[in-house]
Structure formats: structure tokens, C-alpha cells
C-alpha atoms as a PDB file:
ATOM      1  CA  MET A   1     -19.533 -17.099  40.753  1.00  0.00           C
ATOM      2  CA  SER A   2     -16.321 -15.170  41.923  1.00  0.00           C
ATOM      3  CA  PRO A   3     -12.986 -17.139  42.175  1.00  0.00           C
ATOM      4  CA  ARG A   4     -12.096 -18.117  45.754  1.00  0.00           C
ATOM      5  CA  ARG A   5      -9.242 -16.260  47.130  1.00  0.00           C
ATOM      6  CA  LYS A   6      -6.754 -18.057  49.375  1.00  0.00           C
ATOM      7  CA  VAL A   7      -6.329 -16.474  52.856  1.00  0.00           C
ATOM      8  CA  VAL A   8      -4.044 -18.040  55.493  1.00  0.00           C
ATOM      9  CA  LEU A   9      -4.364 -16.854  59.162  1.00  0.00           C
ATOM     10  CA  GLY A  10      -1.318 -17.356  61.069  1.00  0.00           C
ATOM     11  CA  THR A  11      -0.506 -16.675  64.808  1.00  0.00           C
ATOM     12  CA  LEU A  12       2.879 -16.006  66.044  1.00  0.00           C
ATOM     13  CA  THR A  13       3.273 -18.418  68.770  1.00  0.00           C
ATOM     14  CA  ASP A  14       6.871 -18.107  69.961  1.00  0.00           C
ATOM     15  CA  VAL A  15      10.353 -16.596  69.346  1.00  0.00           C
ATOM     16  CA  ASP A  16      13.360 -18.497  70.494  1.00  0.00           C
ATOM     17  CA  ARG A  17      16.921 -16.763  70.816  1.00  0.00           C
ATOM     18  CA  VAL A  18      20.007 -18.734  70.680  1.00  0.00           C
ATOM     19  CA  GLY A  19      23.531 -17.204  70.555  1.00  0.00           C
ATOM     20  CA  LEU A  20      25.930 -14.940  72.306  1.00  0.00           C
ATOM     21  CA  GLY A  21      25.251 -11.561  74.309  1.00  0.00           C
ATOM     22  CA  SER A  22      22.382 -10.326  76.492  1.00  0.00           C
ATOM     23  CA  GLY A  23      18.947  -9.325  75.364  1.00  0.00           C
ATOM     24  CA  GLY A  24      15.947 -11.038  74.044  1.00  0.00           C
ATOM     25  CA  SER A  25      13.633 -10.739  71.195  1.00  0.00           C
ATOM     26  CA  GLY A  26      12.463  -7.332  72.207  1.00  0.00           C
ATOM     27  CA  SER A  27      14.237  -5.543  69.282  1.00  0.00           C
ATOM     28  CA  LEU A  28      12.238  -7.801  66.659  1.00  0.00           C
ATOM     29  CA  PRO A  29       9.380  -6.071  65.133  1.00  0.00           C
ATOM     30  CA  PHE A  30       7.017  -9.261  65.343  1.00  0.00           C
ATOM     31  CA  THR A  31       7.018 -11.067  68.744  1.00  0.00           C
ATOM     32  CA  SER A  32       3.395 -11.923  69.026  1.00  0.00           C
ATOM     33  CA  GLY A  33       0.068 -11.290  67.067  1.00  0.00           C
ATOM     34  CA  THR A  34      -1.890 -12.481  64.131  1.00  0.00           C
ATOM     35  CA  PHE A  35      -1.146 -12.357  60.453  1.00  0.00           C
ATOM     36  CA  THR A  36      -3.669 -12.782  57.729  1.00  0.00           C
ATOM     37  CA  PHE A  37      -1.637 -13.687  54.496  1.00  0.00           C
ATOM     38  CA  ASN A  38      -3.715 -13.155  51.461  1.00  0.00           C
ATOM     39  CA  GLU A  39      -3.115 -14.532  48.009  1.00  0.00           C
ATOM     40  CA  GLY A  40      -1.304 -12.092  45.908  1.00  0.00           C
ATOM     41  CA  GLY A  41       1.181 -10.904  48.576  1.00  0.00           C
ATOM     42  CA  SER A  42      -0.964  -8.608  50.749  1.00  0.00           C
ATOM     43  CA  VAL A  43      -0.971  -9.032  54.616  1.00  0.00           C
ATOM     44  CA  VAL A  44      -2.792  -7.763  57.544  1.00  0.00           C
ATOM     45  CA  TYR A  45      -1.109  -7.982  60.979  1.00  0.00           C
ATOM     46  CA  THR A  46      -2.723  -7.275  64.405  1.00  0.00           C
ATOM     47  CA  ASP A  47      -0.372  -7.052  67.289  1.00  0.00           C
ATOM     48  CA  ALA A  48      -0.956  -7.950  70.931  1.00  0.00           C
ATOM     49  CA  ALA A  49      -2.455  -4.414  71.566  1.00  0.00           C
ATOM     50  CA  ALA A  50      -5.019  -4.895  68.753  1.00  0.00           C
ATOM     51  CA  THR A  51      -3.099  -2.444  66.607  1.00  0.00           C
ATOM     52  CA  THR A  52      -3.778  -3.245  62.818  1.00  0.00           C
ATOM     53  CA  TYR A  53      -1.079  -2.918  60.172  1.00  0.00           C
ATOM     54  CA  THR A  54      -1.269  -3.603  56.364  1.00  0.00           C
ATOM     55  CA  GLY A  55       1.295  -4.324  53.852  1.00  0.00           C
ATOM     56  CA  SER A  56       3.025  -7.264  51.913  1.00  0.00           C
ATOM     57  CA  TRP A  57       4.500 -10.603  52.107  1.00  0.00           C
ATOM     58  CA  LYS A  58       6.775 -12.551  49.868  1.00  0.00           C
ATOM     59  CA  ILE A  59       8.370 -16.043  49.908  1.00  0.00           C
ATOM     60  CA  VAL A  60      11.411 -16.443  47.859  1.00  0.00           C
ATOM     61  CA  LYS A  61      12.796 -19.934  46.915  1.00  0.00           C
ATOM     62  CA  LYS A  62      16.329 -20.347  45.968  1.00  0.00           C
ATOM     63  CA  ASN A  63      18.271 -23.407  45.034  1.00  0.00           C
ATOM     64  CA  ILE A  64      21.582 -23.549  47.085  1.00  0.00           C
ATOM     65  CA  ASN A  65      23.896 -26.744  46.691  1.00  0.00           C
ATOM     66  CA  GLU A  66      20.886 -28.905  45.499  1.00  0.00           C
ATOM     67  CA  GLU A  67      18.700 -27.861  48.475  1.00  0.00           C
ATOM     68  CA  THR A  68      15.760 -25.385  48.297  1.00  0.00           C
ATOM     69  CA  VAL A  69      15.851 -22.560  50.712  1.00  0.00           C
ATOM     70  CA  ARG A  70      12.855 -20.502  51.400  1.00  0.00           C
ATOM     71  CA  SER A  71      13.117 -16.910  52.636  1.00  0.00           C
ATOM     72  CA  LEU A  72      10.163 -14.718  54.000  1.00  0.00           C
ATOM     73  CA  GLN A  73       9.879 -10.854  53.811  1.00  0.00           C
ATOM     74  CA  ILE A  74       7.027  -9.166  55.756  1.00  0.00           C
ATOM     75  CA  THR A  75       6.558  -5.369  55.621  1.00  0.00           C
ATOM     76  CA  VAL A  76       3.514  -3.703  57.192  1.00  0.00           C
ATOM     77  CA  ALA A  77       2.382  -0.042  58.092  1.00  0.00           C
ATOM     78  CA  ASN A  78      -0.073   1.456  60.558  1.00  0.00           C
ATOM     79  CA  PHE A  79      -1.100   4.626  58.521  1.00  0.00           C
ATOM     80  CA  THR A  80      -2.764   6.200  61.606  1.00  0.00           C
ATOM     81  CA  THR A  81       0.503   6.152  63.772  1.00  0.00           C
ATOM     82  CA  GLN A  82       2.869   6.202  60.661  1.00  0.00           C
ATOM     83  CA  GLN A  83       4.551   3.109  62.043  1.00  0.00           C
ATOM     84  CA  VAL A  84       6.328   0.698  59.679  1.00  0.00           C
ATOM     85  CA  LEU A  85       7.383  -2.750  60.783  1.00  0.00           C
ATOM     86  CA  SER A  86       9.576  -5.048  58.517  1.00  0.00           C
ATOM     87  CA  GLN A  87      11.368  -8.310  58.974  1.00  0.00           C
ATOM     88  CA  TYR A  88      13.366 -10.424  56.482  1.00  0.00           C
ATOM     89  CA  TYR A  89      13.474 -14.154  57.610  1.00  0.00           C
ATOM     90  CA  ASP A  90      16.743 -15.954  56.278  1.00  0.00           C
ATOM     91  CA  ASP A  91      15.064 -19.356  56.133  1.00  0.00           C
ATOM     92  CA  MET A  92      11.500 -20.553  56.280  1.00  0.00           C
ATOM     93  CA  THR A  93      10.557 -24.095  56.934  1.00  0.00           C
ATOM     94  CA  PHE A  94       7.107 -25.766  56.878  1.00  0.00           C
ATOM     95  CA  THR A  95       6.950 -28.078  59.786  1.00  0.00           C
ATOM     96  CA  GLY A  96       3.685 -29.420  59.242  1.00  0.00           C
ATOM     97  CA  THR A  97       0.451 -28.622  57.338  1.00  0.00           C
ATOM     98  CA  ASP A  98      -0.497 -25.981  59.633  1.00  0.00           C
ATOM     99  CA  ARG A  99       2.875 -24.637  61.039  1.00  0.00           C
ATOM    100  CA  PHE A 100       6.012 -23.002  59.897  1.00  0.00           C
ATOM    101  CA  ARG A 101       9.302 -21.748  61.420  1.00  0.00           C
ATOM    102  CA  SER A 102      11.171 -18.728  60.268  1.00  0.00           C
ATOM    103  CA  ASN A 103      14.764 -17.855  61.177  1.00  0.00           C
ATOM    104  CA  ILE A 104      16.632 -14.666  61.487  1.00  0.00           C
ATOM    105  CA  ILE A 105      20.391 -15.345  61.367  1.00  0.00           C
ATOM    106  CA  THR A 106      22.738 -12.643  62.648  1.00  0.00           C
ATOM    107  CA  ARG A 107      26.418 -12.654  63.399  1.00  0.00           C
ATOM    108  CA  THR A 108      25.984 -13.515  67.022  1.00  0.00           C
ATOM    109  CA  ARG A 109      22.488 -14.780  67.376  1.00  0.00           C
ATOM    110  CA  ASN A 110      19.698 -16.805  65.658  1.00  0.00           C
ATOM    111  CA  TYR A 111      16.072 -16.111  66.298  1.00  0.00           C
ATOM    112  CA  ALA A 112      13.467 -18.992  65.421  1.00  0.00           C
ATOM    113  CA  THR A 113       9.963 -17.613  65.016  1.00  0.00           C
ATOM    114  CA  TYR A 114       7.034 -20.185  65.155  1.00  0.00           C
ATOM    115  CA  PHE A 115       3.749 -19.573  63.307  1.00  0.00           C
ATOM    116  CA  ARG A 116       0.621 -21.677  63.295  1.00  0.00           C
ATOM    117  CA  ARG A 117      -2.662 -21.632  61.368  1.00  0.00           C
END
């Protein structure tokens, strides 16, 4: 019997922008779509146009002032189109058993990206 691999399917449900200046979330690489996060750090991303990308994901935990902070890095590529998408999320918070929020923090804006299983 082969060991079971953990696979988590996540759908990007919303991106909120807070901060100064004009413009929305259009410059972000991930604004919709579905992620399949595999055990071992591999990921498959399918965007709203059904284009598939493969790559890696990584969660890093740090202890800052007696608080655990998680960051998330996702990098994927479509080898047919040679397009690479990558995003570093400064803070990742589990908001339930089937949901998490990841934040991108810049000098003038914060983006909250919501995922659900």
C-alpha cells in the first residue's frame, strides 16, 4: 500500500486593496484561480482563463516578539508560454479550518488575498 499524499485544493476568492494611490489589484500575479498545494512544496495553479502553471510553494514561520508570523511564497511557470508568476505574501493567517488570508504589505498599500478550500 502506498503512503497517502496530502493535497489541498485552494481557490483564490477575493483580493482587497487598502491604502493610498489609485489602481487596483491588476498588477498582482494572482487575482483569481485555483491552486493545488501538494505535500513536498509543489503546486499547480489554474487561472481564470484555464491556463495551467506548475511550480513551488513554501510557508516560512518566524518568531517575532513572541508571536509566530507565517509568510507564503508561490512561484509558478507555464512552460508553453514561458510565463512565470511569483508572489511573496508577508503574512499568512489561517482564519478557519478551510480558509486562510495572505497579506502583501507595500509602502503605500496592503493587499489581502483570501483563499478557501
